[in-house]
Protein backbone atom coordinates (compact mmCIF):
# COMPACT_ATOMS: atom_id res chain seq x y z
CA UNK A 1 26.62 6.94 -7.07
CA UNK A 2 24.02 9.62 -7.82
CA UNK A 3 21.20 10.31 -5.37
CA UNK A 4 19.63 13.06 -7.50
CA UNK A 5 16.34 12.47 -9.31
CA UNK A 6 16.49 12.63 -13.08
CA UNK A 7 14.32 14.88 -15.21
CA UNK A 8 11.68 12.23 -15.90
CA UNK A 9 11.41 11.30 -12.22
CA UNK A 10 10.94 14.95 -11.29
CA UNK A 11 8.22 15.27 -13.93
CA UNK A 12 6.29 12.32 -12.47
CA UNK A 13 6.82 13.70 -8.96
CA UNK A 14 5.54 17.14 -9.96
CA UNK A 15 2.50 15.63 -11.69
CA UNK A 16 1.59 13.59 -8.61
CA UNK A 17 2.20 16.58 -6.34
CA UNK A 18 -0.18 18.75 -8.35
CA UNK A 19 -2.84 16.03 -8.37
CA UNK A 20 -2.51 15.57 -4.61
CA UNK A 21 -2.77 19.30 -3.89
CA UNK A 22 -5.80 19.87 -6.12
CA UNK A 23 -7.71 16.57 -6.13
CA UNK A 24 -6.91 14.91 -2.79
CA UNK A 25 -5.87 17.31 -0.03
CA UNK A 26 -8.93 19.63 -0.21
CA UNK A 27 -11.29 16.67 0.32
CA UNK A 28 -9.31 14.32 2.58
CA UNK A 29 -10.86 15.47 5.87
CA UNK A 30 -14.40 15.16 4.50
CA UNK A 31 -13.74 11.73 3.00
CA UNK A 32 -12.39 10.63 6.38
CA UNK A 33 -15.32 12.04 8.37
CA UNK A 34 -17.98 10.73 5.96
CA UNK A 35 -16.15 7.45 5.25
CA UNK A 36 -16.52 8.18 1.54
CA UNK A 37 -14.76 6.07 -1.10
CA UNK A 38 -14.00 8.75 -3.74
CA UNK A 39 -14.57 6.70 -6.88
CA UNK A 40 -14.72 9.69 -9.24
CA UNK A 41 -11.37 10.95 -7.95
CA UNK A 42 -9.83 7.49 -8.20
CA UNK A 43 -10.89 7.27 -11.83
CA UNK A 44 -9.39 10.70 -12.48
CA UNK A 45 -6.18 9.26 -11.05
CA UNK A 46 -6.51 6.63 -13.77
CA UNK A 47 -6.56 9.37 -16.40
CA UNK A 48 -3.21 10.53 -15.01
CA UNK A 49 -1.75 7.01 -15.25
CA UNK A 50 -1.70 6.50 -11.47
CA UNK A 51 -3.70 3.24 -11.60
CA UNK A 52 -1.10 1.42 -13.68
CA UNK A 53 2.22 2.88 -12.62
CA UNK A 54 4.26 -0.33 -12.89
CA UNK A 55 1.75 -2.28 -14.97
CA UNK A 56 3.23 -3.30 -18.37
CA UNK A 57 2.85 -0.87 -21.25
CA UNK A 58 1.37 -3.69 -23.36
CA UNK A 59 -1.83 -3.37 -21.31
CA UNK A 60 -1.89 0.42 -21.06
CA UNK A 61 0.27 0.90 -17.97
CA UNK A 62 3.27 3.17 -17.56
CA UNK A 63 5.64 0.30 -16.65
CA UNK A 64 7.65 2.54 -14.35
CA UNK A 65 10.41 1.20 -12.11
CA UNK A 66 9.41 0.69 -8.48
CA UNK A 67 11.60 3.63 -7.51
CA UNK A 68 9.72 6.01 -9.81
CA UNK A 69 6.40 4.59 -8.63
CA UNK A 70 7.43 5.19 -5.02
CA UNK A 71 8.06 8.85 -5.81
CA UNK A 72 4.51 9.16 -7.14
CA UNK A 73 2.88 7.34 -4.23
CA UNK A 74 4.72 9.51 -1.70
CA UNK A 75 3.33 12.66 -3.28
CA UNK A 76 -0.20 11.25 -3.48
CA UNK A 77 -0.12 10.30 0.20
CA UNK A 78 0.78 13.88 1.07
CA UNK A 79 -2.73 14.75 -0.13
CA UNK A 80 -4.68 11.80 1.33
CA UNK A 81 -3.05 8.79 2.97
CA UNK A 82 -6.06 6.52 2.79
CA UNK A 83 -6.88 7.14 -0.87
CA UNK A 84 -3.24 6.89 -1.93
CA UNK A 85 -2.94 3.61 -0.04
CA UNK A 86 -5.90 2.19 -1.96
CA UNK A 87 -4.25 3.28 -5.22
CA UNK A 88 -1.17 1.25 -4.25
CA UNK A 89 -3.33 -1.83 -3.64
CA UNK A 90 -5.07 -1.44 -7.00
CA UNK A 91 -1.68 -1.07 -8.70
CA UNK A 92 -0.54 -4.31 -7.09
CA UNK A 93 -3.65 -6.14 -8.31
CA UNK A 94 -3.36 -4.90 -11.90
CA UNK A 95 0.36 -5.77 -11.93
CA UNK A 96 -0.32 -9.29 -10.66
CA UNK A 97 -2.96 -10.00 -13.31
CA UNK A 98 -0.72 -8.58 -16.05
CA UNK A 99 2.36 -10.43 -14.82
CA UNK A 100 0.98 -13.84 -13.87
CA UNK A 101 -2.33 -14.21 -15.72
CA UNK A 102 -2.61 -15.64 -19.21
CA UNK A 103 -2.33 -13.13 -22.07
CA UNK A 104 -6.06 -13.62 -22.73
CA UNK A 105 -7.02 -12.94 -19.10
CA UNK A 106 -4.72 -9.94 -18.86
CA UNK A 107 -6.05 -8.46 -22.11
CA UNK A 108 -9.62 -8.85 -20.85
CA UNK A 109 -9.08 -7.18 -17.47
CA UNK A 110 -5.91 -5.10 -17.16
CA UNK A 111 -6.61 -2.28 -19.68
CA UNK A 112 -9.85 -1.57 -17.81
CA UNK A 113 -7.98 -1.63 -14.49
CA UNK A 114 -5.49 0.93 -15.77
CA UNK A 115 -8.27 3.37 -16.67
CA UNK A 116 -10.24 2.79 -13.46
CA UNK A 117 -13.24 1.23 -15.20
CA UNK A 118 -12.45 -1.86 -13.11
CA UNK A 119 -11.05 -1.53 -9.59
CA UNK A 120 -9.34 -4.34 -7.73
CA UNK A 121 -8.97 -5.81 -4.25
CA UNK A 122 -6.24 -8.12 -2.93
CA UNK A 123 -7.55 -11.06 -0.91
CA UNK A 124 -4.91 -12.87 1.15
CA UNK A 125 -5.65 -12.34 4.86
CA UNK A 126 -8.21 -14.61 6.58
CA UNK A 127 -9.80 -14.62 10.05
CA UNK A 128 -7.37 -17.39 11.06
CA UNK A 129 -4.44 -16.54 8.79
CA UNK A 130 -2.86 -13.12 9.24
CA UNK A 131 0.89 -13.06 9.77
CA UNK A 132 0.93 -16.80 9.06
CA UNK A 133 -0.45 -16.36 5.54
CA UNK A 134 0.75 -19.81 4.41
CA UNK A 135 -1.83 -21.40 6.73
CA UNK A 136 -4.79 -19.95 4.81
CA UNK A 137 -7.83 -22.22 4.61
CA UNK A 138 -9.90 -20.83 1.70
CA UNK A 139 -10.08 -23.68 -0.80
CA UNK A 140 -10.51 -23.96 -4.57
CA UNK A 141 -11.50 -27.43 -5.79
CA UNK A 142 -11.11 -28.17 -9.48
CA UNK A 143 -14.08 -29.57 -11.37
CA UNK A 144 -13.12 -29.95 -15.01
CA UNK A 145 -12.82 -26.49 -16.57
CA UNK A 146 -13.65 -24.53 -13.42
CA UNK A 147 -12.95 -24.35 -9.70
CA UNK A 148 -15.39 -24.10 -6.81
CA UNK A 149 -14.14 -21.54 -4.31
CA UNK A 150 -15.11 -21.76 -0.63
CA UNK A 151 -13.86 -19.89 2.41
CA UNK A 152 -13.50 -16.36 3.73
CA UNK A 153 -11.15 -13.39 3.67
CA UNK A 154 -10.71 -10.58 6.19
CA UNK A 155 -9.66 -6.92 6.15
CA UNK A 156 -10.07 -6.55 2.37
CA UNK A 157 -9.57 -2.98 1.16
CA UNK A 158 -12.19 -1.78 -1.30
CA UNK A 159 -14.33 -4.88 -0.84
CA UNK A 160 -17.91 -4.32 -1.88
CA UNK A 161 -16.98 -1.40 -4.12
CA UNK A 162 -14.50 -3.04 -6.49
CA UNK A 163 -15.02 -5.23 -9.54
CA UNK A 164 -12.06 -7.64 -9.46
CA UNK A 165 -10.68 -9.77 -6.62
CA UNK A 166 -7.26 -11.43 -6.67
CA UNK A 167 -7.84 -14.34 -4.29
CA UNK A 168 -5.31 -16.72 -2.75
CA UNK A 169 -6.82 -20.16 -2.17
CA UNK A 170 -5.61 -23.64 -1.37
CA UNK A 171 -5.64 -26.06 -4.31
CA UNK A 172 -3.21 -28.57 -2.82
CA UNK A 173 -1.88 -29.73 0.53
CA UNK A 174 -0.76 -27.75 3.58
CA UNK A 175 1.82 -25.01 3.42
CA UNK A 176 2.80 -22.43 0.82
CA UNK A 177 3.18 -24.84 -2.10
CA UNK A 178 -0.50 -25.74 -1.91
CA UNK A 179 -1.69 -22.18 -2.61
CA UNK A 180 -2.86 -20.83 -5.99
CA UNK A 181 -3.99 -17.38 -7.13
CA UNK A 182 -7.20 -16.52 -8.98
CA UNK A 183 -8.86 -13.50 -10.53
CA UNK A 184 -12.48 -13.59 -9.39
CA UNK A 185 -15.15 -11.18 -10.69
CA UNK A 186 -16.42 -9.39 -7.59
CA UNK A 187 -20.08 -9.90 -8.51
CA UNK A 188 -19.83 -13.66 -8.96
CA UNK A 189 -22.75 -15.68 -7.53
CA UNK A 190 -21.86 -17.03 -4.10
CA UNK A 191 -19.82 -14.04 -2.93
CA UNK A 192 -21.14 -12.41 0.24
CA UNK A 193 -19.68 -9.18 1.62
CA UNK A 194 -19.63 -8.40 5.31
CA UNK A 195 -20.45 -5.09 6.96
CA UNK A 196 -18.15 -2.14 6.37
CA UNK A 197 -15.71 -2.20 9.26
CA UNK A 198 -15.45 0.83 11.54
CA UNK A 199 -11.75 1.69 11.60
CA UNK A 200 -9.37 3.98 13.42
CA UNK A 201 -8.06 5.34 10.11
CA UNK A 202 -7.99 4.71 6.36
CA UNK A 203 -11.62 5.77 6.31
CA UNK A 204 -11.79 6.87 2.67
CA UNK A 205 -11.67 3.24 1.60
CA UNK A 206 -14.11 0.53 2.73
CA UNK A 207 -12.83 -2.59 4.47
CA UNK A 208 -14.94 -5.73 4.61
CA UNK A 209 -14.79 -9.46 5.11
CA UNK A 210 -15.68 -11.60 2.08
CA UNK A 211 -17.23 -15.07 2.11
CA UNK A 212 -17.08 -17.44 -0.86
CA UNK A 213 -19.77 -20.11 -1.09
CA UNK A 214 -19.30 -22.45 -4.07
CA UNK A 215 -18.12 -19.57 -6.25
CA UNK A 216 -17.50 -20.85 -9.78
CA UNK A 217 -14.14 -19.64 -11.15
CA UNK A 218 -13.12 -20.52 -14.73
CA UNK A 219 -9.87 -22.42 -15.13
CA UNK A 220 -8.55 -19.55 -17.27
CA UNK A 221 -8.88 -17.17 -14.30
CA UNK A 222 -6.10 -18.91 -12.42
CA UNK A 223 -2.90 -16.86 -12.31
CA UNK A 224 0.01 -19.05 -13.35
CA UNK A 225 0.26 -22.70 -12.40
CA UNK A 226 -1.35 -24.44 -9.47
CA UNK A 227 0.78 -24.04 -6.37
CA UNK A 228 2.44 -20.80 -7.53
CA UNK A 229 0.09 -18.45 -5.70
CA UNK A 230 2.11 -17.99 -2.54
CA UNK A 231 5.21 -17.12 -4.54
CA UNK A 232 3.16 -14.53 -6.46
CA UNK A 233 1.77 -13.16 -3.19
CA UNK A 234 5.22 -12.74 -1.68
CA UNK A 235 6.55 -11.05 -4.83
CA UNK A 236 3.60 -8.69 -4.72
CA UNK A 237 4.21 -7.96 -1.05
CA UNK A 238 7.83 -6.95 -1.66
CA UNK A 239 6.53 -4.10 -3.78
CA UNK A 240 3.58 -3.61 -1.44
CA UNK A 241 5.94 -3.00 1.45
CA UNK A 242 7.71 -0.28 -0.49
CA UNK A 243 4.31 1.22 -1.32
CA UNK A 244 3.18 1.25 2.30
CA UNK A 245 6.52 2.68 3.40
CA UNK A 246 6.56 5.48 0.83
CA UNK A 247 2.97 6.49 1.54
CA UNK A 248 3.91 6.65 5.23
CA UNK A 249 6.76 9.01 4.36
CA UNK A 250 4.42 11.20 2.30
CA UNK A 251 1.97 11.48 5.17
CA UNK A 252 4.72 12.21 7.68
CA UNK A 253 6.01 14.96 5.39
CA UNK A 254 2.55 16.54 5.34
CA UNK A 255 2.43 16.41 9.15
CA UNK A 256 5.92 17.86 9.44
CA UNK A 257 5.19 20.73 7.06
CA UNK A 258 2.04 21.57 9.00
CA UNK A 259 4.03 21.61 12.26
CA UNK A 260 6.71 23.88 10.78
CA UNK A 261 4.07 26.36 9.68
CA UNK A 262 2.28 26.25 13.02
CA UNK A 263 5.32 26.79 15.26
CA UNK A 264 6.33 29.75 13.10
CA UNK A 265 2.96 31.42 13.67
CA UNK A 266 1.96 30.39 17.19
CA UNK A 267 3.26 32.61 19.99
CA UNK A 268 3.73 31.62 23.61
CA UNK A 269 5.81 33.35 26.30
CA UNK A 270 5.99 36.39 24.05
CA UNK A 271 7.71 34.72 21.11
CA UNK A 272 6.98 32.24 18.29
CA UNK A 273 7.21 28.60 19.34
CA UNK A 274 9.89 28.18 16.67
CA UNK A 275 12.25 30.35 18.74
CA UNK A 276 12.26 27.76 21.56
CA UNK A 277 15.24 25.44 21.51
CA UNK A 278 13.24 22.36 22.45
CA UNK A 279 10.97 22.93 19.44
CA UNK A 280 13.98 23.45 17.19
CA UNK A 281 15.55 20.21 18.41
CA UNK A 282 12.28 18.34 17.86
CA UNK A 283 12.01 19.64 14.29
CA UNK A 284 15.65 18.75 13.62
CA UNK A 285 15.06 15.16 14.74
CA UNK A 286 11.86 14.90 12.70
CA UNK A 287 13.59 16.17 9.56
CA UNK A 288 16.49 13.75 10.06
CA UNK A 289 14.10 10.82 10.48
CA UNK A 290 12.15 11.82 7.38
CA UNK A 291 15.27 11.94 5.22
CA UNK A 292 16.51 8.61 6.61
CA UNK A 293 13.16 6.93 5.99
CA UNK A 294 12.88 8.32 2.46
CA UNK A 295 16.39 7.23 1.49
CA UNK A 296 15.84 3.73 2.91
CA UNK A 297 12.65 3.38 0.87
CA UNK A 298 14.36 4.54 -2.31
CA UNK A 299 17.27 2.17 -1.74
CA UNK A 300 14.90 -0.77 -1.29
CA UNK A 301 12.94 0.19 -4.41
CA UNK A 302 16.18 0.37 -6.38
CA UNK A 303 17.25 -3.03 -5.06
CA UNK A 304 13.91 -4.46 -6.19
CA UNK A 305 14.27 -2.84 -9.62
CA UNK A 306 17.77 -4.25 -10.06
CA UNK A 307 16.75 -7.71 -8.76
CA UNK A 308 19.24 -7.68 -5.90
CA UNK A 309 19.44 -11.16 -4.33
CA UNK A 310 18.39 -9.74 -0.97
CA UNK A 311 15.73 -7.35 -2.29
CA UNK A 312 13.07 -8.91 -0.06
CA UNK A 313 15.13 -8.16 3.05
CA UNK A 314 15.69 -4.59 1.90
CA UNK A 315 11.93 -4.17 1.35
CA UNK A 316 11.31 -5.48 4.87
CA UNK A 317 13.92 -3.10 6.31
CA UNK A 318 12.40 -0.16 4.47
CA UNK A 319 8.89 -1.00 5.57
CA UNK A 320 9.93 -1.45 9.22
CA UNK A 321 12.05 1.68 9.42
CA UNK A 322 9.91 4.05 7.37
CA UNK A 323 6.57 3.21 8.98
CA UNK A 324 7.98 3.44 12.51
CA UNK A 325 9.77 6.71 11.84
CA UNK A 326 6.82 8.18 9.94
CA UNK A 327 4.45 7.45 12.80
CA UNK A 328 6.88 9.06 15.22
CA UNK A 329 7.21 12.16 13.03
CA UNK A 330 3.43 12.56 12.77
CA UNK A 331 3.01 12.04 16.51
CA UNK A 332 5.69 14.64 17.26
CA UNK A 333 4.04 17.02 14.79
CA UNK A 334 0.78 16.63 16.69
CA UNK A 335 2.66 17.40 19.91
CA UNK A 336 3.87 20.67 18.38
CA UNK A 337 0.23 21.71 17.98
CA UNK A 338 -0.57 21.00 21.63
CA UNK A 339 -4.29 20.66 22.28
CA UNK A 340 -5.13 21.90 18.80
CA UNK A 341 -3.44 18.84 17.32
CA UNK A 342 -6.06 16.67 19.01
CA UNK A 343 -8.91 18.46 17.26
CA UNK A 344 -10.40 17.39 13.95
CA UNK A 345 -10.19 21.02 12.82
CA UNK A 346 -6.54 20.24 12.07
CA UNK A 347 -5.15 17.32 10.04
CA UNK A 348 -2.66 16.05 12.60
CA UNK A 349 -4.94 13.60 14.40
CA UNK A 350 -5.98 12.13 11.02
CA UNK A 351 -2.36 11.69 9.99
CA UNK A 352 -1.62 9.84 13.24
CA UNK A 353 -4.71 7.63 12.89
CA UNK A 354 -3.99 6.81 9.26
CA UNK A 355 -0.32 6.02 9.85
CA UNK A 356 -0.86 3.58 12.70
CA UNK A 357 -2.01 0.78 10.39
CA UNK A 358 1.12 1.09 8.24
CA UNK A 359 3.00 -0.64 11.06
CA UNK A 360 0.56 -3.56 10.85
CA UNK A 361 -0.38 -4.36 7.26
CA UNK A 362 1.70 -5.91 4.46
CA UNK A 363 3.27 -7.89 7.30
CA UNK A 364 3.53 -6.43 10.78
CA UNK A 365 6.77 -4.73 11.69
CA UNK A 366 7.57 -7.66 13.96
CA UNK A 367 7.28 -9.96 10.95
CA UNK A 368 9.60 -7.56 9.09
CA UNK A 369 12.15 -8.02 11.86
CA UNK A 370 11.77 -11.78 11.55
CA UNK A 371 12.37 -11.66 7.77
CA UNK A 372 15.44 -9.48 8.22
CA UNK A 373 16.89 -11.58 11.02
CA UNK A 374 16.43 -14.86 9.14
CA UNK A 375 18.29 -13.49 6.13
CA UNK A 376 20.94 -11.83 8.27
CA UNK A 377 21.72 -15.08 10.07
CA UNK A 378 21.90 -17.16 6.88
CA UNK A 379 25.40 -18.15 5.81
CA UNK A 380 27.09 -15.64 3.53
CA UNK A 381 24.18 -13.21 3.42
CA UNK A 382 25.34 -10.42 5.72
CA UNK A 383 27.78 -9.09 3.10
CA UNK A 384 24.83 -8.48 0.76
CA UNK A 385 22.89 -6.52 3.36
CA UNK A 386 25.37 -3.73 3.93
């Protein structure tokens, strides 16, 4: 068992670290304050290969393992949580189209997604279907060689600024087996975008509701067979949970590093804060939690790469643990700054705001507990979860 990164992994990590330090971190506060979606920077990320990390090489992607991709996303989040999180969503969309779309559809769309010419949004959540995604009501009715899409989606990252939508819609009866997946051009007639939502965090990417009113979708834009959409969505979310977890770790690391610098410089009671035992103990706990979260994420990514039979449960465990611990680390880092941590002059309050949603999306952490418990209590499974 070797926990060390290999030479290639370190090269990808270093490349992402340099991009984050030069292209993301210097602008993150402004993007947050101005609610700016940094399209030019996102397309530069495409030039680095960061828009197709695990997308197949046949369509221009790097086809990296999920573990290697997680290393990259962690470093990018160190520079800007919100922008890195959008990059993970776009990667998921391009991977889905490449993996489940027809070769003709993938060839038409995916190479442009990898370069950033086309950006994607993932459309699963609805006003009445959040944690219970299988109850979604958006419907696609087949009419010969096309479908008519009607319904609405909620909390869609990038909506209104992206060119491709992967939409989950009901083509059959109730439940998960009645759901199919479609690639829908974002400028199709009948698509209406809602107002840009005002959010606590993740402000460098727009979030909107989307309504579909008799949107015509060609038969060839369906991903896979009818009824396979929910399976595709859940496979995508396994990787998505690793992505959200690793970006949380990257953000928490940035908060922790800032706290370490601050307590070494700030003096109270005639000595640096770092000389106080309570501060030392706090930093020790934060460092321990960071390492535990990072190793859990990497284990889950490896289990997904190796197609472990309980990979989904490992992804849920990683997402639950890493996002909870990362939020705690960032919150404790803010506490180290005292009143200054509450000011927008410092990045701590932004880190805390951005990290809070990581405990909610890609399945809330309570849903993660439900997934884990169901697998744990299944006959013969507990041995595979050690």
